[in-house]
Amino acid sequence: MRHLHLFNSILASATLLTGLTPSAPAYAFSISGFATSGAQMGGIKVTANYLDGGSQTATWNPTGAQAGGAFGAGWSLTQVGDTYEFPWTLSTNTGFAQKITSLIINAIPGNTFFDIVLAPEKTVGSGNGIPFTVLSGQSPDAYAYSTDISGAGNDLKGTLSLSWNSGFTGQLSFLADTDSGKVDAPIQAAVPEPTTIAGVVLAVTGLTRLRRRLRLS
C-alpha cells in the first residue's frame, strides 16, 4: 500500500513537470522590417563545434551594402541580399583541418530572428517566412529551430542549429528567412514566468524527496 502511495505521488510530480510550459512575459515586441539582409544582422553569434572537440564563436559583421558574415579560423558563414530570397553560404577553407559537427546561429544578439512559417503571416508585421531549406552542398543530418521570441508567435525563433554526424567540410548553400527588431525595442528571448519557475523547483524537490523515501523503504 505504501509503495502504491509513492507511485501515485511520483505520477503526480511527473504530471506537474510535463505540464509546465515556458510563457512569454509582457513585452513591447515590434518588428522594424521583414526584408532583412546580411548587412542588417550585425551582432549575431555563430558557433562552430568541431568533431574532435573544441569550438569557436564568431560575431556577424556587415561586409557590404547588403552583405555580412561571421568568419572563424578556416570557416565562414555569409549572406548577401534579402534572406527571404537569397541564400546563406557556409564554407570551409581548402586544407581546413577540422570538421564541423554542429553550427549554432544565435540571431538574438543581432536584434534578428528567424521567421520559419511560409504562409500565412502568423505574427503581425513579420510577413511570410522561409524555413531552413538546403539549396546545394552537404546537407546537415539534422537541423532545429529553438528559442522562442518574447511577445511573438511560434513562427519566430531566435536560434537555428545544424548538425552533421560525420562532420562538415566544403560548402553549403541554404535559405533561412530572418526579420529585424526595432532599435528601441530589441528582440529578447522568452523566459518562463516566476510561477512556472517555482513550479519546476517544487516538482524537482518533490521527486528528490520521493527518491530518498524509496531508498529507505
Protein backbone atom coordinates (compact mmCIF):
# COMPACT_ATOMS: atom_id res chain seq x y z
CA MET A 1 0.00 0.00 0.00
CA ARG A 2 2.86 2.31 0.89
CA HIS A 3 4.51 1.69 -2.49
CA LEU A 4 1.21 2.40 -4.26
CA HIS A 5 1.04 5.74 -2.45
CA LEU A 6 4.61 6.55 -3.50
CA PHE A 7 3.83 5.56 -7.09
CA ASN A 8 0.84 7.92 -7.14
CA SER A 9 2.99 10.71 -5.72
CA ILE A 10 5.64 10.17 -8.37
CA LEU A 11 2.98 10.17 -11.08
CA ALA A 12 1.57 13.46 -9.76
CA SER A 13 5.00 15.08 -9.73
CA ALA A 14 5.77 13.84 -13.25
CA THR A 15 2.44 15.21 -14.46
CA LEU A 16 3.33 18.58 -12.96
CA LEU A 17 6.69 18.61 -14.70
CA THR A 18 5.34 17.67 -18.12
CA GLY A 19 2.53 20.21 -17.82
CA LEU A 20 4.89 23.16 -17.40
CA THR A 21 5.48 25.24 -20.49
CA PRO A 22 7.51 28.46 -20.90
CA SER A 23 5.33 31.51 -21.33
CA ALA A 24 6.45 34.91 -22.54
CA PRO A 25 6.25 37.87 -20.16
CA ALA A 26 4.55 41.10 -21.20
CA TYR A 27 6.91 42.79 -23.63
CA ALA A 28 6.60 45.52 -26.26
CA PHE A 29 7.60 43.38 -29.20
CA SER A 30 7.92 45.21 -32.50
CA ILE A 31 9.35 44.49 -35.94
CA SER A 32 11.25 47.09 -37.93
CA GLY A 33 11.14 45.10 -41.16
CA PHE A 34 10.90 41.67 -42.75
CA ALA A 35 13.28 42.27 -45.69
CA THR A 36 16.43 41.68 -43.65
CA SER A 37 19.76 41.37 -45.47
CA GLY A 38 23.21 40.22 -44.40
CA ALA A 39 24.21 43.82 -43.69
CA GLN A 40 21.43 44.21 -41.11
CA MET A 41 22.33 41.26 -38.88
CA GLY A 42 25.41 42.64 -37.14
CA GLY A 43 25.95 41.05 -33.73
CA ILE A 44 24.64 37.56 -34.49
CA LYS A 45 26.75 34.88 -32.76
CA VAL A 46 27.76 31.85 -34.84
CA THR A 47 29.35 28.90 -33.04
CA ALA A 48 31.10 26.05 -34.83
CA ASN A 49 31.59 22.90 -32.74
CA TYR A 50 34.26 20.54 -34.03
CA LEU A 51 34.04 16.79 -34.45
CA ASP A 52 37.22 16.10 -32.48
CA GLY A 53 36.34 18.56 -29.72
CA GLY A 54 36.60 22.28 -29.23
CA SER A 55 34.59 25.11 -30.71
CA GLN A 56 34.81 28.68 -31.95
CA THR A 57 32.28 31.52 -31.86
CA ALA A 58 32.42 34.33 -34.41
CA THR A 59 30.39 37.56 -34.44
CA TRP A 60 28.48 38.61 -37.55
CA ASN A 61 29.52 41.91 -39.15
CA PRO A 62 28.37 43.83 -42.25
CA THR A 63 30.73 43.46 -45.22
CA GLY A 64 28.86 45.41 -47.92
CA ALA A 65 25.66 47.23 -48.86
CA GLN A 66 23.52 44.11 -48.33
CA ALA A 67 26.20 41.66 -47.25
CA GLY A 68 27.50 40.32 -43.98
CA GLY A 69 29.16 37.35 -42.40
CA ALA A 70 30.80 35.62 -39.46
CA PHE A 71 34.38 34.48 -40.02
CA GLY A 72 36.11 31.79 -37.99
CA ALA A 73 39.53 30.18 -38.25
CA GLY A 74 39.15 28.30 -41.52
CA TRP A 75 35.38 28.67 -41.94
CA SER A 76 32.81 31.34 -42.70
CA LEU A 77 29.06 31.89 -42.82
CA THR A 78 27.97 34.68 -45.17
CA GLN A 79 24.79 36.08 -46.68
CA VAL A 80 24.02 38.74 -49.34
CA GLY A 81 20.57 40.23 -50.03
CA ASP A 82 17.10 39.74 -48.56
CA THR A 83 17.19 36.43 -46.64
CA TYR A 84 13.68 35.65 -47.92
CA GLU A 85 15.10 35.23 -51.43
CA PHE A 86 18.86 34.90 -51.21
CA PRO A 87 20.88 32.12 -49.55
CA TRP A 88 23.35 31.82 -46.73
CA THR A 89 26.68 30.16 -47.54
CA LEU A 90 28.67 28.05 -45.09
CA SER A 91 32.22 27.41 -46.33
CA THR A 92 35.44 25.90 -45.05
CA ASN A 93 38.83 26.85 -46.45
CA THR A 94 40.89 24.44 -48.53
CA GLY A 95 43.00 22.34 -46.19
CA PHE A 96 40.73 23.04 -43.21
CA ALA A 97 41.99 20.59 -40.59
CA GLN A 98 38.80 20.40 -38.53
CA LYS A 99 35.34 19.05 -39.30
CA ILE A 100 32.29 20.93 -38.08
CA THR A 101 29.88 18.67 -36.22
CA SER A 102 27.37 21.42 -35.46
CA LEU A 103 26.76 25.06 -36.29
CA ILE A 104 24.65 27.18 -33.97
CA ILE A 105 23.35 30.54 -35.24
CA ASN A 106 22.11 32.70 -32.36
CA ALA A 107 20.33 35.60 -34.06
CA ILE A 108 19.09 37.43 -30.95
CA PRO A 109 22.32 39.38 -30.20
CA GLY A 110 21.97 40.86 -33.69
CA ASN A 111 18.40 42.04 -32.97
CA THR A 112 17.34 39.45 -35.52
CA PHE A 113 15.12 36.37 -35.54
CA PHE A 114 14.16 33.56 -37.89
CA ASP A 115 10.70 33.54 -39.50
CA ILE A 116 10.03 29.86 -40.13
CA VAL A 117 6.44 29.74 -41.44
CA LEU A 118 5.96 30.25 -45.18
CA ALA A 119 2.32 31.34 -45.03
CA PRO A 120 0.12 32.74 -43.71
CA GLU A 121 1.66 35.58 -41.71
CA LYS A 122 1.25 34.48 -38.09
CA THR A 123 2.94 37.30 -36.20
CA VAL A 124 1.67 40.70 -37.34
CA GLY A 125 4.30 42.58 -39.34
CA SER A 126 6.56 39.58 -39.89
CA GLY A 127 5.42 38.80 -43.43
CA ASN A 128 5.78 35.31 -44.86
CA GLY A 129 8.82 33.32 -43.75
CA ILE A 130 11.08 30.68 -45.25
CA PRO A 131 12.09 27.66 -43.14
CA PHE A 132 15.57 26.14 -43.41
CA THR A 133 15.94 24.81 -46.95
CA VAL A 134 19.09 23.31 -48.49
CA LEU A 135 19.87 24.54 -52.00
CA SER A 136 23.19 22.80 -52.58
CA GLY A 137 26.16 21.26 -50.82
CA GLN A 138 26.49 18.91 -47.86
CA SER A 139 23.11 18.81 -46.13
CA PRO A 140 23.09 18.50 -42.33
CA ASP A 141 21.87 15.24 -40.83
CA ALA A 142 19.57 17.27 -38.62
CA TYR A 143 18.51 20.84 -38.02
CA ALA A 144 16.37 22.53 -35.38
CA TYR A 145 14.94 25.93 -34.54
CA SER A 146 14.81 26.92 -30.88
CA THR A 147 14.47 29.91 -28.52
CA ASP A 148 11.04 31.50 -28.66
CA ILE A 149 10.87 35.26 -29.10
CA SER A 150 9.27 37.21 -26.27
CA GLY A 151 5.87 38.60 -27.22
CA ALA A 152 5.81 36.85 -30.60
CA GLY A 153 4.15 33.77 -32.05
CA ASN A 154 5.60 30.30 -32.50
CA ASP A 155 6.59 31.17 -36.07
CA LEU A 156 9.53 33.25 -34.85
CA LYS A 157 12.67 31.67 -33.37
CA GLY A 158 15.97 33.02 -32.13
CA THR A 159 18.31 30.11 -32.88
CA LEU A 160 18.99 27.78 -35.80
CA SER A 161 21.19 24.71 -35.22
CA LEU A 162 22.64 22.41 -37.88
CA SER A 163 24.45 19.12 -37.22
CA TRP A 164 26.49 16.58 -39.19
CA ASN A 165 27.13 13.12 -37.78
CA SER A 166 30.44 12.69 -39.60
CA GLY A 167 31.40 16.36 -39.69
CA PHE A 168 31.14 19.05 -42.34
CA THR A 169 33.74 20.45 -44.73
CA GLY A 170 33.21 22.10 -48.09
CA GLN A 171 30.27 24.36 -48.87
CA LEU A 172 26.57 24.52 -48.06
CA SER A 173 24.03 26.93 -49.54
CA PHE A 174 20.68 27.28 -47.77
CA LEU A 175 17.69 29.55 -47.27
CA ALA A 176 16.56 30.72 -43.83
CA ASP A 177 14.44 33.86 -43.62
CA THR A 178 15.16 36.49 -40.98
CA ASP A 179 13.41 39.63 -39.74
CA SER A 180 14.66 42.54 -37.62
CA GLY A 181 13.55 44.13 -34.37
CA LYS A 182 13.40 47.85 -33.71
CA VAL A 183 16.40 49.56 -32.16
CA ASP A 184 14.28 50.96 -29.31
CA ALA A 185 12.58 47.59 -28.72
CA PRO A 186 15.26 44.96 -29.35
CA ILE A 187 14.49 41.27 -29.69
CA GLN A 188 14.53 39.24 -26.48
CA ALA A 189 14.27 35.54 -25.76
CA ALA A 190 11.10 34.39 -24.00
CA VAL A 191 11.69 33.21 -20.42
CA PRO A 192 9.46 31.24 -18.01
CA GLU A 193 7.30 33.33 -15.70
CA PRO A 194 8.17 33.24 -11.97
CA THR A 195 5.19 30.95 -11.26
CA THR A 196 6.46 28.47 -13.84
CA ILE A 197 9.98 28.52 -12.38
CA ALA A 198 8.53 27.96 -8.89
CA GLY A 199 6.56 25.01 -10.22
CA VAL A 200 9.69 23.42 -11.65
CA VAL A 201 11.54 23.84 -8.33
CA LEU A 202 8.59 22.38 -6.42
CA ALA A 203 8.31 19.37 -8.72
CA VAL A 204 12.04 18.63 -8.66
CA THR A 205 12.12 18.95 -4.87
CA GLY A 206 9.18 16.55 -4.57
CA LEU A 207 10.85 13.96 -6.80
CA THR A 208 14.08 14.23 -4.79
CA ARG A 209 12.24 13.56 -1.53
CA LEU A 210 10.41 10.61 -3.07
CA ARG A 211 13.69 9.07 -4.22
CA ARG A 212 15.05 9.31 -0.67
CA ARG A 213 11.92 7.70 0.76
CA LEU A 214 12.13 4.88 -1.78
CA ARG A 215 15.74 4.17 -0.80
CA LEU A 216 14.77 3.97 2.87
CA SER A 217 11.75 1.70 2.29
